[in-house]
Protein backbone atom coordinates (compact mmCIF):
# COMPACT_ATOMS: atom_id res chain seq x y z
CA UNK A 1 -3.18 -24.25 -38.08
CA UNK A 2 0.29 -25.71 -37.81
CA UNK A 3 2.14 -26.68 -34.71
CA UNK A 4 4.69 -23.97 -35.33
CA UNK A 5 1.89 -21.34 -35.51
CA UNK A 6 0.29 -22.71 -32.17
CA UNK A 7 3.76 -22.66 -30.46
CA UNK A 8 4.59 -19.14 -31.78
CA UNK A 9 1.06 -17.83 -30.59
CA UNK A 10 1.95 -19.66 -27.08
CA UNK A 11 5.22 -18.17 -26.68
CA UNK A 12 3.81 -14.75 -27.41
CA UNK A 13 1.36 -14.94 -24.86
CA UNK A 14 4.02 -16.21 -22.40
CA UNK A 15 6.03 -13.26 -23.34
CA UNK A 16 3.26 -10.52 -22.97
CA UNK A 17 2.57 -12.07 -19.51
CA UNK A 18 6.49 -11.72 -18.38
CA UNK A 19 6.62 -8.25 -19.62
CA UNK A 20 3.34 -7.08 -17.95
CA UNK A 21 3.84 -5.45 -14.58
CA UNK A 22 1.72 -6.64 -11.76
CA UNK A 23 -0.63 -3.96 -10.67
CA UNK A 24 -0.03 -1.75 -7.65
CA UNK A 25 -2.12 -0.57 -4.89
CA UNK A 26 -2.34 2.32 -2.66
CA UNK A 27 -2.21 1.84 1.06
CA UNK A 28 -4.45 4.54 2.38
CA UNK A 29 -4.54 5.79 5.95
CA UNK A 30 -7.95 7.21 7.38
CA UNK A 31 -8.09 10.03 9.52
CA UNK A 32 -10.12 9.50 12.95
CA UNK A 33 -10.62 11.83 16.06
CA UNK A 34 -8.71 9.52 18.52
CA UNK A 35 -5.27 8.34 17.08
CA UNK A 36 -2.69 10.91 17.83
CA UNK A 37 -0.63 12.42 15.33
CA UNK A 38 2.36 11.30 16.77
CA UNK A 39 1.36 7.65 16.61
CA UNK A 40 0.47 8.30 12.85
CA UNK A 41 4.22 9.65 12.25
CA UNK A 42 5.43 6.61 14.21
CA UNK A 43 3.54 4.12 11.85
CA UNK A 44 4.61 5.86 8.78
CA UNK A 45 8.13 5.67 9.92
CA UNK A 46 7.92 2.06 11.22
CA UNK A 47 5.78 0.38 8.88
CA UNK A 48 6.14 2.14 5.74
CA UNK A 49 9.79 3.53 6.13
CA UNK A 50 8.93 7.09 5.76
CA UNK A 51 11.75 9.57 7.15
CA UNK A 52 10.67 12.01 10.01
CA UNK A 53 10.00 14.78 7.48
CA UNK A 54 7.81 12.49 4.92
CA UNK A 55 5.89 10.93 7.83
CA UNK A 56 5.12 14.51 9.08
CA UNK A 57 3.92 15.68 5.62
CA UNK A 58 1.92 12.78 4.97
CA UNK A 59 0.34 12.92 8.59
CA UNK A 60 -0.71 16.39 8.04
CA UNK A 61 -2.31 15.62 4.79
CA UNK A 62 -4.17 12.97 6.35
CA UNK A 63 -5.19 15.09 9.09
CA UNK A 64 -6.16 17.92 6.95
CA UNK A 65 -7.90 15.92 4.09
CA UNK A 66 -9.11 12.78 6.02
CA UNK A 67 -7.04 10.17 3.87
CA UNK A 68 -3.63 9.87 2.69
CA UNK A 69 -1.33 7.54 0.67
CA UNK A 70 0.98 5.82 3.14
CA UNK A 71 2.72 3.81 0.15
CA UNK A 72 2.41 1.98 -3.07
CA UNK A 73 2.79 -1.81 -3.50
CA UNK A 74 2.14 -4.99 -5.01
CA UNK A 75 -1.07 -6.37 -3.74
CA UNK A 76 0.62 -8.94 -1.21
CA UNK A 77 3.11 -6.14 0.13
CA UNK A 78 0.18 -3.79 0.55
CA UNK A 79 -2.03 -6.30 2.51
CA UNK A 80 0.96 -7.29 4.61
CA UNK A 81 1.56 -3.55 5.51
CA UNK A 82 -2.25 -3.03 6.33
CA UNK A 83 -1.88 -6.28 8.67
CA UNK A 84 1.13 -4.68 10.38
CA UNK A 85 -0.74 -1.22 10.86
CA UNK A 86 -3.74 -3.15 12.29
CA UNK A 87 -1.59 -5.06 14.81
CA UNK A 88 0.47 -2.14 15.89
CA UNK A 89 -2.62 -0.06 16.21
CA UNK A 90 -4.66 -2.38 18.25
CA UNK A 91 -1.50 -2.93 20.50
CA UNK A 92 -1.45 0.64 21.08
CA UNK A 93 -5.05 0.91 21.66
CA UNK A 94 -5.76 3.30 18.54
CA UNK A 95 -8.60 2.95 16.22
CA UNK A 96 -6.17 3.87 13.07
CA UNK A 97 -7.70 2.29 9.87
CA UNK A 98 -6.13 1.71 6.47
CA UNK A 99 -7.38 0.29 3.20
CA UNK A 100 -6.09 -0.27 -0.11
CA UNK A 101 -7.12 0.83 -3.58
CA UNK A 102 -5.91 0.08 -6.95
CA UNK A 103 -3.53 2.69 -8.15
């Protein structure tokens, strides 16, 4: 294989790596019997930047189905949002839990 062919293959690989979008992850909030609906709306607005109407819709979905998507982010951002939720919930004395899963 010539040096030019190797360089072309290497540049093709690098080009594909640059074009591939990083995977996204859904941050899921889980329903529980102790966290108030108002607190879930607060978290959705403060941590995930939902509007009042959007936060209320998502909260009702979580309440009725047991789980709901708070947002979709890169892995690093999703993990940061989860840490923020855990901190705010702990400080407020709520057992609110969240997790992430691939989109």
